[in-house]
Each structure stands twice: as structure tokens, then as C-alpha cells.
C-alpha atoms as a PDB file:
ATOM      1  CA  MET A   1     301.996 214.516  83.396  1.00  0.00           C
ATOM      2  CA  ILE A   2     298.349 215.719  82.749  1.00  0.00           C
ATOM      3  CA  VAL A   3     298.079 219.338  82.316  1.00  0.00           C
ATOM      4  CA  ASP A   4     294.376 220.370  82.140  1.00  0.00           C
ATOM      5  CA  CYS A   5     291.482 218.594  82.670  1.00  0.00           C
ATOM      6  CA  ALA A   6     287.810 219.321  81.831  1.00  0.00           C
ATOM      7  CA  TRP A   7     284.608 217.982  81.211  1.00  0.00           C
ATOM      8  CA  TYR A   8     282.224 221.026  78.107  1.00  0.00           C
ATOM      9  CA  ARG A   9     278.720 220.806  77.405  1.00  0.00           C
ATOM     10  CA  ASP A  10     276.855 223.185  75.225  1.00  0.00           C
ATOM     11  CA  GLY A  11     280.356 225.281  75.700  1.00  0.00           C
ATOM     12  CA  VAL A  12     280.210 226.241  78.975  1.00  0.00           C
ATOM     13  CA  ARG A  13     283.213 224.323  81.612  1.00  0.00           C
ATOM     14  CA  GLN A  14     281.167 222.220  83.783  1.00  0.00           C
ATOM     15  CA  VAL A  15     282.440 221.369  87.682  1.00  0.00           C
ATOM     16  CA  GLY A  16     282.788 218.145  88.072  1.00  0.00           C
ATOM     17  CA  PRO A  17     284.971 215.425  90.097  1.00  0.00           C
ATOM     18  CA  SER A  18     288.745 216.363  89.355  1.00  0.00           C
ATOM     19  CA  ASP A  19     289.288 212.308  88.605  1.00  0.00           C
ATOM     20  CA  PHE A  20     288.983 211.748  85.197  1.00  0.00           C
ATOM     21  CA  SER A  21     287.692 208.550  84.584  1.00  0.00           C
ATOM     22  CA  ASP A  22     284.776 209.854  87.052  1.00  0.00           C
ATOM     23  CA  LEU A  23     284.329 212.812  84.203  1.00  0.00           C
ATOM     24  CA  VAL A  24     284.587 210.709  80.982  1.00  0.00           C
ATOM     25  CA  ASP A  25     281.552 209.216  82.205  1.00  0.00           C
ATOM     26  CA  LEU A  26     279.781 212.572  83.696  1.00  0.00           C
ATOM     27  CA  ALA A  27     280.214 213.495  79.417  1.00  0.00           C
ATOM     28  CA  ARG A  28     279.193 210.240  78.442  1.00  0.00           C
ATOM     29  CA  ASP A  29     275.956 210.179  80.494  1.00  0.00           C
ATOM     30  CA  GLN A  30     275.208 214.186  79.841  1.00  0.00           C
ATOM     31  CA  GLY A  31     276.418 214.756  76.813  1.00  0.00           C
ATOM     32  CA  GLY A  32     279.819 217.203  75.635  1.00  0.00           C
ATOM     33  CA  PHE A  33     283.336 215.780  75.398  1.00  0.00           C
ATOM     34  CA  VAL A  34     286.213 216.010  77.517  1.00  0.00           C
ATOM     35  CA  TRP A  35     288.883 217.591  76.951  1.00  0.00           C
ATOM     36  CA  ALA A  36     292.421 216.561  78.117  1.00  0.00           C
ATOM     37  CA  GLY A  37     295.138 217.659  77.708  1.00  0.00           C
ATOM     38  CA  PHE A  38     299.092 215.812  78.345  1.00  0.00           C
ATOM     39  CA  SER A  39     302.716 216.297  79.116  1.00  0.00           C
ATOM     40  CA  ALA A  40     305.113 213.785  77.540  1.00  0.00           C
ATOM     41  CA  PRO A  41     303.128 210.549  79.296  1.00  0.00           C
ATOM     42  CA  ASN A  42     305.187 207.738  79.707  1.00  0.00           C
ATOM     43  CA  GLU A  43     303.854 203.918  79.121  1.00  0.00           C
ATOM     44  CA  ILE A  44     302.374 203.211  82.967  1.00  0.00           C
ATOM     45  CA  GLU A  45     300.580 207.475  83.300  1.00  0.00           C
ATOM     46  CA  PHE A  46     298.649 206.940  80.279  1.00  0.00           C
ATOM     47  CA  ALA A  47     297.782 202.757  79.743  1.00  0.00           C
ATOM     48  CA  ASP A  48     294.434 204.481  82.042  1.00  0.00           C
ATOM     49  CA  VAL A  49     293.416 207.046  79.329  1.00  0.00           C
ATOM     50  CA  ALA A  50     294.350 203.724  77.312  1.00  0.00           C
ATOM     51  CA  THR A  51     292.224 202.057  78.376  1.00  0.00           C
ATOM     52  CA  GLU A  52     288.765 204.566  79.250  1.00  0.00           C
ATOM     53  CA  PHE A  53     289.242 205.416  75.605  1.00  0.00           C
ATOM     54  CA  ASN A  54     289.885 202.533  73.979  1.00  0.00           C
ATOM     55  CA  LEU A  55     292.554 204.131  72.145  1.00  0.00           C
ATOM     56  CA  HIS A  56     294.888 202.143  69.243  1.00  0.00           C
ATOM     57  CA  PRO A  57     297.071 200.046  70.975  1.00  0.00           C
ATOM     58  CA  LEU A  58     299.827 201.696  67.182  1.00  0.00           C
ATOM     59  CA  ALA A  59     298.725 205.393  68.210  1.00  0.00           C
ATOM     60  CA  VAL A  60     298.892 205.330  72.182  1.00  0.00           C
ATOM     61  CA  GLU A  61     302.432 203.678  71.314  1.00  0.00           C
ATOM     62  CA  ASP A  62     304.171 207.193  69.166  1.00  0.00           C
ATOM     63  CA  ALA A  63     301.548 209.276  71.624  1.00  0.00           C
ATOM     64  CA  VAL A  64     304.651 208.144  74.009  1.00  0.00           C
ATOM     65  CA  HIS A  65     307.265 207.967  71.868  1.00  0.00           C
ATOM     66  CA  ALA A  66     306.825 210.805  69.685  1.00  0.00           C
ATOM     67  CA  HIS A  67     309.263 211.424  66.793  1.00  0.00           C
ATOM     68  CA  GLN A  68     306.325 211.557  64.399  1.00  0.00           C
ATOM     69  CA  ARG A  69     305.662 213.450  60.529  1.00  0.00           C
ATOM     70  CA  PRO A  70     302.627 214.620  60.871  1.00  0.00           C
ATOM     71  CA  LYS A  71     299.282 212.766  59.930  1.00  0.00           C
ATOM     72  CA  ILE A  72     296.574 212.027  60.690  1.00  0.00           C
ATOM     73  CA  GLU A  73     295.294 207.644  60.798  1.00  0.00           C
ATOM     74  CA  ASN A  74     291.541 207.158  61.301  1.00  0.00           C
ATOM     75  CA  TYR A  75     290.717 204.434  63.708  1.00  0.00           C
ATOM     76  CA  GLY A  76     287.255 202.948  63.976  1.00  0.00           C
ATOM     77  CA  SER A  77     285.613 206.245  65.543  1.00  0.00           C
ATOM     78  CA  ILE A  78     288.593 207.748  66.719  1.00  0.00           C
ATOM     79  CA  THR A  79     290.824 210.045  64.327  1.00  0.00           C
ATOM     80  CA  PHE A  80     294.133 210.293  65.396  1.00  0.00           C
ATOM     81  CA  VAL A  81     296.145 213.809  64.752  1.00  0.00           C
ATOM     82  CA  VAL A  82     300.008 214.521  65.061  1.00  0.00           C
ATOM     83  CA  LEU A  83     301.141 218.362  64.375  1.00  0.00           C
ATOM     84  CA  ARG A  84     304.368 219.250  64.701  1.00  0.00           C
ATOM     85  CA  THR A  85     305.246 222.599  66.971  1.00  0.00           C
ATOM     86  CA  VAL A  86     307.757 225.109  66.185  1.00  0.00           C
ATOM     87  CA  SER A  87     309.960 227.968  68.586  1.00  0.00           C
ATOM     88  CA  TYR A  88     312.569 229.850  67.109  1.00  0.00           C
ATOM     89  CA  GLU A  89     315.779 231.691  69.580  1.00  0.00           C
ATOM     90  CA  GLU A  90     316.274 234.955  67.858  1.00  0.00           C
ATOM     91  CA  SER A  91     319.272 234.766  69.795  1.00  0.00           C
ATOM     92  CA  THR A  92     320.771 231.829  68.443  1.00  0.00           C
ATOM     93  CA  SER A  93     318.661 230.965  65.457  1.00  0.00           C
ATOM     94  CA  GLN A  94     317.550 227.923  66.384  1.00  0.00           C
ATOM     95  CA  ILE A  95     314.493 225.825  66.186  1.00  0.00           C
ATOM     96  CA  SER A  96     313.000 223.484  67.845  1.00  0.00           C
ATOM     97  CA  THR A  97     310.534 221.298  68.051  1.00  0.00           C
ATOM     98  CA  GLY A  98     307.862 218.771  68.672  1.00  0.00           C
ATOM     99  CA  GLU A  99     305.482 217.542  68.352  1.00  0.00           C
ATOM    100  CA  LEU A 100     300.986 217.579  70.020  1.00  0.00           C
ATOM    101  CA  MET A 101     299.516 214.734  69.106  1.00  0.00           C
ATOM    102  CA  CYS A 102     295.395 214.535  69.518  1.00  0.00           C
ATOM    103  CA  PHE A 103     293.528 211.724  69.951  1.00  0.00           C
ATOM    104  CA  ILE A 104     289.448 212.452  68.773  1.00  0.00           C
ATOM    105  CA  GLY A 105     286.417 210.394  69.412  1.00  0.00           C
ATOM    106  CA  ASP A 106     282.960 211.412  70.200  1.00  0.00           C
ATOM    107  CA  SER A 107     282.841 211.998  73.673  1.00  0.00           C
ATOM    108  CA  PHE A 108     286.703 213.604  74.073  1.00  0.00           C
ATOM    109  CA  VAL A 109     289.859 215.068  73.493  1.00  0.00           C
ATOM    110  CA  VAL A 110     293.726 214.036  74.748  1.00  0.00           C
ATOM    111  CA  ILE A 111     296.284 216.156  73.328  1.00  0.00           C
ATOM    112  CA  VAL A 112     299.388 214.675  74.556  1.00  0.00           C
ATOM    113  CA  ARG A 113     301.964 217.378  73.542  1.00  0.00           C
ATOM    114  CA  HIS A 114     305.949 216.720  73.511  1.00  0.00           C
ATOM    115  CA  GLY A 115     308.887 219.328  73.527  1.00  0.00           C
ATOM    116  CA  GLU A 116     308.614 222.582  72.336  1.00  0.00           C
ATOM    117  CA  GLY A 117     306.123 224.974  70.589  1.00  0.00           C
ATOM    118  CA  SER A 118     303.759 227.236  71.940  1.00  0.00           C
ATOM    119  CA  PRO A 119     301.468 226.192  75.627  1.00  0.00           C
ATOM    120  CA  LEU A 120     298.105 225.606  74.293  1.00  0.00           C
ATOM    121  CA  ALA A 121     297.130 226.838  77.966  1.00  0.00           C
ATOM    122  CA  SER A 122     296.431 230.115  76.065  1.00  0.00           C
ATOM    123  CA  VAL A 123     293.709 227.817  73.121  1.00  0.00           C
ATOM    124  CA  ARG A 124     291.766 226.880  76.523  1.00  0.00           C
ATOM    125  CA  ARG A 125     291.178 230.199  77.317  1.00  0.00           C
ATOM    126  CA  ASP A 126     290.116 231.973  74.145  1.00  0.00           C
ATOM    127  CA  LEU A 127     287.832 229.008  73.099  1.00  0.00           C
ATOM    128  CA  GLU A 128     286.040 229.319  76.154  1.00  0.00           C
ATOM    129  CA  GLN A 129     285.016 231.930  75.225  1.00  0.00           C
ATOM    130  CA  ARG A 130     283.329 230.604  72.043  1.00  0.00           C
ATOM    131  CA  PRO A 131     281.021 228.631  73.994  1.00  0.00           C
ATOM    132  CA  THR A 132     279.147 229.381  70.041  1.00  0.00           C
ATOM    133  CA  HIS A 133     282.887 227.383  68.548  1.00  0.00           C
ATOM    134  CA  LEU A 134     282.988 225.094  70.819  1.00  0.00           C
ATOM    135  CA  ALA A 135     279.611 223.971  71.308  1.00  0.00           C
ATOM    136  CA  GLU A 136     280.830 222.126  68.254  1.00  0.00           C
ATOM    137  CA  GLY A 137     282.426 220.006  69.294  1.00  0.00           C
ATOM    138  CA  PRO A 138     286.248 218.561  69.408  1.00  0.00           C
ATOM    139  CA  PHE A 139     286.527 218.638  66.337  1.00  0.00           C
ATOM    140  CA  ALA A 140     286.388 221.965  67.161  1.00  0.00           C
ATOM    141  CA  VAL A 141     288.513 221.636  69.452  1.00  0.00           C
ATOM    142  CA  LEU A 142     291.507 220.647  67.071  1.00  0.00           C
ATOM    143  CA  HIS A 143     291.233 223.159  64.246  1.00  0.00           C
ATOM    144  CA  ALA A 144     291.616 225.859  67.028  1.00  0.00           C
ATOM    145  CA  VAL A 145     295.400 223.343  68.615  1.00  0.00           C
ATOM    146  CA  ILE A 146     295.986 223.828  64.056  1.00  0.00           C
ATOM    147  CA  ASP A 147     295.029 227.650  64.069  1.00  0.00           C
ATOM    148  CA  ARG A 148     297.423 227.968  66.731  1.00  0.00           C
ATOM    149  CA  VAL A 149     300.034 225.779  65.850  1.00  0.00           C
ATOM    150  CA  ILE A 150     300.516 227.148  62.107  1.00  0.00           C
ATOM    151  CA  ASP A 151     299.718 231.113  63.354  1.00  0.00           C
ATOM    152  CA  SER A 152     303.156 230.056  65.180  1.00  0.00           C
ATOM    153  CA  TYR A 153     304.309 229.073  61.964  1.00  0.00           C
ATOM    154  CA  VAL A 154     303.186 232.180  60.719  1.00  0.00           C
ATOM    155  CA  GLU A 155     304.874 234.356  62.909  1.00  0.00           C
ATOM    156  CA  ILE A 156     308.482 232.356  62.868  1.00  0.00           C
ATOM    157  CA  GLY A 157     308.987 232.059  59.175  1.00  0.00           C
ATOM    158  CA  THR A 158     308.579 236.508  59.703  1.00  0.00           C
ATOM    159  CA  LEU A 159     311.613 235.474  62.213  1.00  0.00           C
ATOM    160  CA  LEU A 160     313.139 233.479  60.181  1.00  0.00           C
ATOM    161  CA  ALA A 161     312.900 236.129  56.967  1.00  0.00           C
ATOM    162  CA  ASP A 162     314.704 238.643  58.629  1.00  0.00           C
ATOM    163  CA  ASP A 163     317.165 237.265  59.468  1.00  0.00           C
ATOM    164  CA  VAL A 164     318.353 236.365  56.110  1.00  0.00           C
ATOM    165  CA  GLY A 165     317.606 239.792  55.791  1.00  0.00           C
ATOM    166  CA  VAL A 166     319.935 240.423  57.355  1.00  0.00           C
ATOM    167  CA  LEU A 167     322.346 238.077  55.918  1.00  0.00           C
ATOM    168  CA  GLU A 168     321.424 239.075  52.557  1.00  0.00           C
ATOM    169  CA  ARG A 169     323.424 242.847  53.438  1.00  0.00           C
ATOM    170  CA  GLU A 170     326.214 241.492  55.503  1.00  0.00           C
ATOM    171  CA  VAL A 171     327.460 239.295  52.347  1.00  0.00           C
ATOM    172  CA  PHE A 172     326.959 241.882  50.114  1.00  0.00           C
ATOM    173  CA  GLY A 173     329.096 244.636  51.937  1.00  0.00           C
ATOM    174  CA  THR A 174     332.410 246.703  52.246  1.00  0.00           C
ATOM    175  CA  ASP A 175     332.901 243.275  54.591  1.00  0.00           C
ATOM    176  CA  ARG A 176     335.055 241.208  53.017  1.00  0.00           C
ATOM    177  CA  LYS A 177     334.491 238.319  56.823  1.00  0.00           C
ATOM    178  CA  SER A 178     332.740 235.373  53.933  1.00  0.00           C
ATOM    179  CA  TRP A 179     329.205 233.829  56.496  1.00  0.00           C
ATOM    180  CA  SER A 180     328.966 230.900  54.168  1.00  0.00           C
ATOM    181  CA  GLN A 181     329.108 228.647  57.897  1.00  0.00           C
ATOM    182  CA  GLU A 182     326.419 231.004  59.278  1.00  0.00           C
ATOM    183  CA  ILE A 183     324.425 230.960  56.469  1.00  0.00           C
ATOM    184  CA  TYR A 184     324.806 226.852  56.540  1.00  0.00           C
ATOM    185  CA  LEU A 185     323.706 226.892  59.773  1.00  0.00           C
ATOM    186  CA  LEU A 186     320.442 228.642  59.955  1.00  0.00           C
ATOM    187  CA  LYS A 187     319.725 227.410  56.439  1.00  0.00           C
ATOM    188  CA  ARG A 188     320.151 224.469  58.090  1.00  0.00           C
ATOM    189  CA  GLU A 189     317.272 225.614  60.667  1.00  0.00           C
ATOM    190  CA  VAL A 190     314.804 226.323  57.905  1.00  0.00           C
ATOM    191  CA  ILE A 191     315.513 222.732  56.075  1.00  0.00           C
ATOM    192  CA  GLU A 192     314.673 221.820  60.004  1.00  0.00           C
ATOM    193  CA  PHE A 193     311.072 224.687  60.102  1.00  0.00           C
ATOM    194  CA  ARG A 194     310.328 223.201  56.557  1.00  0.00           C
ATOM    195  CA  HIS A 195     309.856 218.976  57.593  1.00  0.00           C
ATOM    196  CA  SER A 196     307.649 220.343  60.303  1.00  0.00           C
ATOM    197  CA  VAL A 197     305.397 222.476  57.473  1.00  0.00           C
ATOM    198  CA  ASP A 198     305.589 221.463  55.177  1.00  0.00           C
ATOM    199  CA  PRO A 199     303.974 217.168  55.977  1.00  0.00           C
ATOM    200  CA  LEU A 200     301.211 219.349  57.299  1.00  0.00           C
ATOM    201  CA  ALA A 201     299.443 220.118  54.002  1.00  0.00           C
ATOM    202  CA  LEU A 202     298.148 216.355  53.134  1.00  0.00           C
ATOM    203  CA  PRO A 203     296.456 215.790  56.942  1.00  0.00           C
ATOM    204  CA  LEU A 204     294.930 219.745  56.517  1.00  0.00           C
ATOM    205  CA  ASP A 205     293.475 218.243  52.780  1.00  0.00           C
ATOM    206  CA  ARG A 206     292.159 215.077  54.147  1.00  0.00           C
ATOM    207  CA  LEU A 207     290.402 217.194  57.644  1.00  0.00           C
ATOM    208  CA  SER A 208     289.590 219.830  54.911  1.00  0.00           C
ATOM    209  CA  THR A 209     287.947 217.093  52.670  1.00  0.00           C
ATOM    210  CA  ASP A 210     287.449 213.488  53.750  1.00  0.00           C
ATOM    211  CA  PHE A 211     283.778 214.231  53.947  1.00  0.00           C
ATOM    212  CA  THR A 212     284.684 210.108  55.920  1.00  0.00           C
ATOM    213  CA  LEU A 213     285.721 211.851  59.019  1.00  0.00           C
ATOM    214  CA  GLN A 214     282.758 213.392  61.246  1.00  0.00           C
ATOM    215  CA  ILE A 215     283.477 216.253  61.309  1.00  0.00           C
ATOM    216  CA  PRO A 216     280.841 218.318  61.914  1.00  0.00           C
ATOM    217  CA  GLU A 217     280.244 220.843  58.643  1.00  0.00           C
ATOM    218  CA  VAL A 218     280.282 223.922  59.761  1.00  0.00           C
ATOM    219  CA  ILE A 219     283.517 223.284  61.059  1.00  0.00           C
ATOM    220  CA  ARG A 220     285.089 221.916  57.905  1.00  0.00           C
ATOM    221  CA  PRO A 221     285.242 225.421  56.279  1.00  0.00           C
ATOM    222  CA  PHE A 222     287.665 226.931  59.016  1.00  0.00           C
ATOM    223  CA  PHE A 223     290.095 222.964  57.885  1.00  0.00           C
ATOM    224  CA  ARG A 224     290.603 224.812  54.432  1.00  0.00           C
ATOM    225  CA  ASP A 225     291.059 228.348  56.129  1.00  0.00           C
ATOM    226  CA  THR A 226     293.773 225.969  57.893  1.00  0.00           C
ATOM    227  CA  SER A 227     295.036 225.095  55.071  1.00  0.00           C
ATOM    228  CA  ASP A 228     295.487 228.654  52.838  1.00  0.00           C
ATOM    229  CA  HIS A 229     297.284 229.745  56.684  1.00  0.00           C
ATOM    230  CA  LEU A 230     299.641 226.508  55.850  1.00  0.00           C
ATOM    231  CA  ALA A 231     300.149 227.244  52.462  1.00  0.00           C
ATOM    232  CA  ARG A 232     301.216 231.250  53.683  1.00  0.00           C
ATOM    233  CA  ALA A 233     303.946 229.614  55.919  1.00  0.00           C
ATOM    234  CA  ALA A 234     305.163 226.360  53.625  1.00  0.00           C
ATOM    235  CA  ASP A 235     305.332 229.701  50.613  1.00  0.00           C
ATOM    236  CA  LEU A 236     307.395 231.598  53.094  1.00  0.00           C
ATOM    237  CA  ALA A 237     309.889 228.490  54.632  1.00  0.00           C
ATOM    238  CA  SER A 238     309.975 226.911  50.388  1.00  0.00           C
ATOM    239  CA  GLY A 239     311.975 231.012  49.759  1.00  0.00           C
ATOM    240  CA  LEU A 240     313.423 231.066  52.188  1.00  0.00           C
ATOM    241  CA  ASP A 241     315.479 227.994  51.983  1.00  0.00           C
ATOM    242  CA  ALA A 242     315.521 229.347  48.341  1.00  0.00           C
ATOM    243  CA  LEU A 243     317.224 232.618  48.938  1.00  0.00           C
ATOM    244  CA  LEU A 244     319.215 231.056  51.255  1.00  0.00           C
ATOM    245  CA  SER A 245     321.231 228.731  48.674  1.00  0.00           C
ATOM    246  CA  SER A 246     321.188 231.527  46.584  1.00  0.00           C
ATOM    247  CA  VAL A 247     322.936 233.661  49.064  1.00  0.00           C
ATOM    248  CA  LEU A 248     325.550 231.432  49.891  1.00  0.00           C
ATOM    249  CA  ASN A 249     326.623 230.835  46.336  1.00  0.00           C
ATOM    250  CA  ALA A 250     326.722 234.308  45.940  1.00  0.00           C
ATOM    251  CA  ASP A 251     329.119 234.321  49.238  1.00  0.00           C
ATOM    252  CA  LEU A 252     330.839 231.257  47.897  1.00  0.00           C
ATOM    253  CA  SER A 253     331.424 233.281  44.175  1.00  0.00           C
ATOM    254  CA  GLN A 254     331.879 237.608  46.543  1.00  0.00           C
ATOM    255  CA  VAL A 255     334.996 234.932  48.626  1.00  0.00           C
ATOM    256  CA  GLN A 256     336.477 234.275  44.944  1.00  0.00           C
ATOM    257  CA  VAL A 257     336.287 237.886  43.212  1.00  0.00           C
ATOM    258  CA  ARG A 258     338.693 238.483  46.178  1.00  0.00           C
ATOM    259  CA  GLN A 259     340.850 236.364  46.160  1.00  0.00           C
ATOM    260  CA  ASN A 260     340.683 237.030  42.156  1.00  0.00           C
ATOM    261  CA  GLU A 261     341.168 240.325  43.175  1.00  0.00           C
ATOM    262  CA  ASP A 262     344.129 239.592  45.707  1.00  0.00           C
ATOM    263  CA  MET A 263     346.135 237.480  42.590  1.00  0.00           C
ATOM    264  CA  ARG A 264     346.407 240.275  41.326  1.00  0.00           C
ATOM    265  CA  LYS A 265     347.454 243.115  43.292  1.00  0.00           C
ATOM    266  CA  ILE A 266     350.146 240.774  44.252  1.00  0.00           C
ATOM    267  CA  THR A 267     351.082 239.536  40.141  1.00  0.00           C
ATOM    268  CA  ALA A 268     350.515 243.773  39.538  1.00  0.00           C
ATOM    269  CA  TRP A 269     353.782 244.295  42.615  1.00  0.00           C
ATOM    270  CA  VAL A 270     355.280 241.005  41.234  1.00  0.00           C
ATOM    271  CA  ALA A 271     355.451 242.552  37.715  1.00  0.00           C
ATOM    272  CA  LEU A 272     356.796 245.520  39.003  1.00  0.00           C
ATOM    273  CA  GLY A 273     359.598 244.254  40.518  1.00  0.00           C
ATOM    274  CA  VAL A 274     360.725 242.747  36.814  1.00  0.00           C
ATOM    275  CA  ALA A 275     361.959 245.203  35.143  1.00  0.00           C
ATOM    276  CA  PRO A 276     364.717 246.431  37.825  1.00  0.00           C
ATOM    277  CA  THR A 277     365.581 243.111  38.540  1.00  0.00           C
ATOM    278  CA  MET A 278     366.219 242.286  35.238  1.00  0.00           C
ATOM    279  CA  VAL A 279     368.845 245.678  34.504  1.00  0.00           C
ATOM    280  CA  ALA A 280     370.046 244.697  37.914  1.00  0.00           C
ATOM    281  CA  GLY A 281     371.037 241.268  36.926  1.00  0.00           C
ATOM    282  CA  ILE A 282     372.669 241.944  32.900  1.00  0.00           C
ATOM    283  CA  TYR A 283     374.540 244.880  34.701  1.00  0.00           C
ATOM    284  CA  GLY A 284     375.862 242.159  37.256  1.00  0.00           C
ATOM    285  CA  MET A 285     376.518 239.780  34.611  1.00  0.00           C
ATOM    286  CA  ASN A 286     380.055 240.886  34.967  1.00  0.00           C
ATOM    287  CA  PHE A 287     381.297 241.462  30.813  1.00  0.00           C
ATOM    288  CA  ASP A 288     384.681 242.848  30.375  1.00  0.00           C
ATOM    289  CA  HIS A 289     383.122 244.738  27.298  1.00  0.00           C
ATOM    290  CA  MET A 290     379.539 246.415  27.784  1.00  0.00           C
ATOM    291  CA  PRO A 291     379.266 249.678  25.904  1.00  0.00           C
ATOM    292  CA  GLU A 292     377.650 251.850  29.153  1.00  0.00           C
ATOM    293  CA  LEU A 293     380.711 251.305  31.828  1.00  0.00           C
ATOM    294  CA  GLY A 294     382.642 253.562  30.369  1.00  0.00           C
ATOM    295  CA  TRP A 295     379.649 256.449  29.823  1.00  0.00           C
ATOM    296  CA  ALA A 296     379.859 258.576  32.579  1.00  0.00           C
ATOM    297  CA  TYR A 297     376.543 259.008  32.596  1.00  0.00           C
ATOM    298  CA  SER A 298     375.138 255.419  31.857  1.00  0.00           C
ATOM    299  CA  TYR A 299     374.566 254.294  36.250  1.00  0.00           C
ATOM    300  CA  PRO A 300     372.600 257.686  36.740  1.00  0.00           C
ATOM    301  CA  THR A 301     370.617 256.843  32.911  1.00  0.00           C
ATOM    302  CA  VAL A 302     369.982 253.412  34.107  1.00  0.00           C
ATOM    303  CA  LEU A 303     368.908 254.589  38.004  1.00  0.00           C
ATOM    304  CA  ALA A 304     366.048 256.832  35.514  1.00  0.00           C
ATOM    305  CA  CYS A 305     365.457 254.398  33.132  1.00  0.00           C
ATOM    306  CA  VAL A 306     364.105 251.456  35.462  1.00  0.00           C
ATOM    307  CA  GLY A 307     362.245 254.887  37.469  1.00  0.00           C
ATOM    308  CA  LEU A 308     360.413 255.648  34.061  1.00  0.00           C
ATOM    309  CA  LEU A 309     359.747 252.084  33.334  1.00  0.00           C
ATOM    310  CA  THR A 310     358.602 251.676  36.773  1.00  0.00           C
ATOM    311  CA  ILE A 311     355.614 254.750  37.367  1.00  0.00           C
ATOM    312  CA  PHE A 312     354.451 253.430  33.320  1.00  0.00           C
ATOM    313  CA  LEU A 313     353.606 249.982  34.943  1.00  0.00           C
ATOM    314  CA  VAL A 314     352.088 251.282  38.166  1.00  0.00           C
ATOM    315  CA  ARG A 315     349.673 253.723  36.522  1.00  0.00           C
ATOM    316  CA  LYS A 316     348.420 250.949  33.372  1.00  0.00           C
ATOM    317  CA  PHE A 317     348.328 248.395  36.426  1.00  0.00           C
ATOM    318  CA  LYS A 318     345.761 251.873  38.603  1.00  0.00           C
ATOM    319  CA  LYS A 319     344.696 252.410  35.913  1.00  0.00           C
ATOM    320  CA  SER A 320     343.721 248.145  34.575  1.00  0.00           C
ATOM    321  CA  GLY A 321     342.722 248.270  38.549  1.00  0.00           C
ATOM    322  CA  TRP A 322     345.205 245.816  39.831  1.00  0.00           C
ATOM    323  CA  LEU A 323     346.083 247.929  42.556  1.00  0.00           C
END
């Protein structure tokens, strides 16, 4: 489905026919370029676009079926770039990903969107307010799209960092609950986030350094700037992944420490029962000749000794932290 399609000349949106093919003809005859956006088109919907711009069949297949890693391919005069978009639902701490397929030619830029992610309508509006930059052509559009996607990476990385900080405080708090399940689920989302961020480094580096691509020299520094932003997002994601591993290990250690504390307490209480049980066992043997049996004060003396021994053990266990 086509989302928006417009013809731009000298950085200004031109009034033109609503038919896609007529806009393309105007751009080729009078200059400028066509910027077309599509949302999850099928093969039939995208067939006319592929024919109009002579898009490579492999790139068309990727654009229609999606599920690609971030990459950049050069098909003659057409550059094909794949980006992964990311959205984050704070209430459920879940990452959703989508894809952007960008076809860049000398007189057109076609962007195909699949799944979730930041909408590109705001990118178009912002660029239309900067006609000087937009006048640099299709690669200026590509830079704006990549820049917006990477900005969303940084924002989502910050939100993930907040959630990791909450879990870290819970693990080292006073609650005896184990947080391993929550940590694992959040770590899985961070890994999904990294799958979108990390692979983009190589295509971005190529956009800023590969002179075989027909990129205006005035635009190349902007791609280098987005590379710096991406490195920041990648470092953040990598740090969160490592921190979650450490927090998970700390949580498991906390569980083990609590189990050891419980075992010490159980052992201490069992030990407190050993002394009375031993004395009672001795006097329950029913021998005929036991010296204490004939003594009038033997019963209270034995009880007093058992009580003193128990008090001694209680003090020792409390002093050692077992009770």
C-alpha cells in the first residue's frame, strides 16, 4: 500500500499528478526526484514500482518478503539499504522490530516499511522544512531516515537502561524474591535490540567511506555523524547486555546465599534439640543401676543442665549469625 508519494525539485515539494508513473516522468523530464513510501506491499502492489524504476529482482524480493539483516547492496546505479526499526513497550518491557527497505536512484527514493517502528511522516515534514538539505537529492532523504532510526535506538536504549536499573535495585534489595525470570526476559529483549543495532555499523561505514556510491560529498559527513550516534547506541546496548549478565549472576548468588542462611538456621535449631534428646535417651534406657536414680534432686538437676546447655548453644549460634 502506498503511504505517500511526492515530487521534489530544488528541495521543494511540487504540485503534480496523483498517478505515480506520471510523477516519475515529470521528475525525469524537469529534474528533481520522487520520494515514495510504501507499507508492507505485496508482490502485485510492488510490481509496477519495480518495473518503473528497474529494480533488481533480488532487492524486490527482499522488499516484499522482509526479514533481512541491516545491509547495503549496490545494483548498478541503484543503492539498496535495509534498516531495522525498533519500538519499545515500557509497560511490558518488550521490543518490537520492523524493517525499512530503501531504494535510492538518481531521480527517486523508494522506502518500503514492514512492522513496527517510528513513523516516517515526521521525517518527511522535517525535511520539507529544510529545502536546502532536501535539494541534495535522494541520499539526503536516506540520511534523514537513518538518522531518525538511530535516534530511536538511543531513546530505546535509555529506556532499557532505566528498566535494568530498576531490576538491579530489586536484586540487591531486602525482598527475598528471585528476579531471575524478569532478568532473563529483559536480557532477551536487549539481545533483540542488539540484533537491530550492531549489524548496521558496516552499512553505515560503507555509506560514509565508499566512493563508488553516488553520494554527494556534502552528504557524506552527515553519514559519519550518524555512525557516531550508532556507536553510542551500540555501546549502550552492549553495556546493558553485560550488566544484565552480571545482575543475573548476582541474583543467583543471592538465592544461594539465602539458601545457605536457611540451612544454617535449620542446622542450629536441630542442634538445639540434640542435647535434650541425648539426655532423654540416656535416662530412657531403663538400667537398674544408675547413680542418679536414687538422688532426690536428680530430676531438677538434669532439667537445669539441659536448660543451661540449650541457653549456651543459643548464645553461640546467635553470636555466629546462625540464628
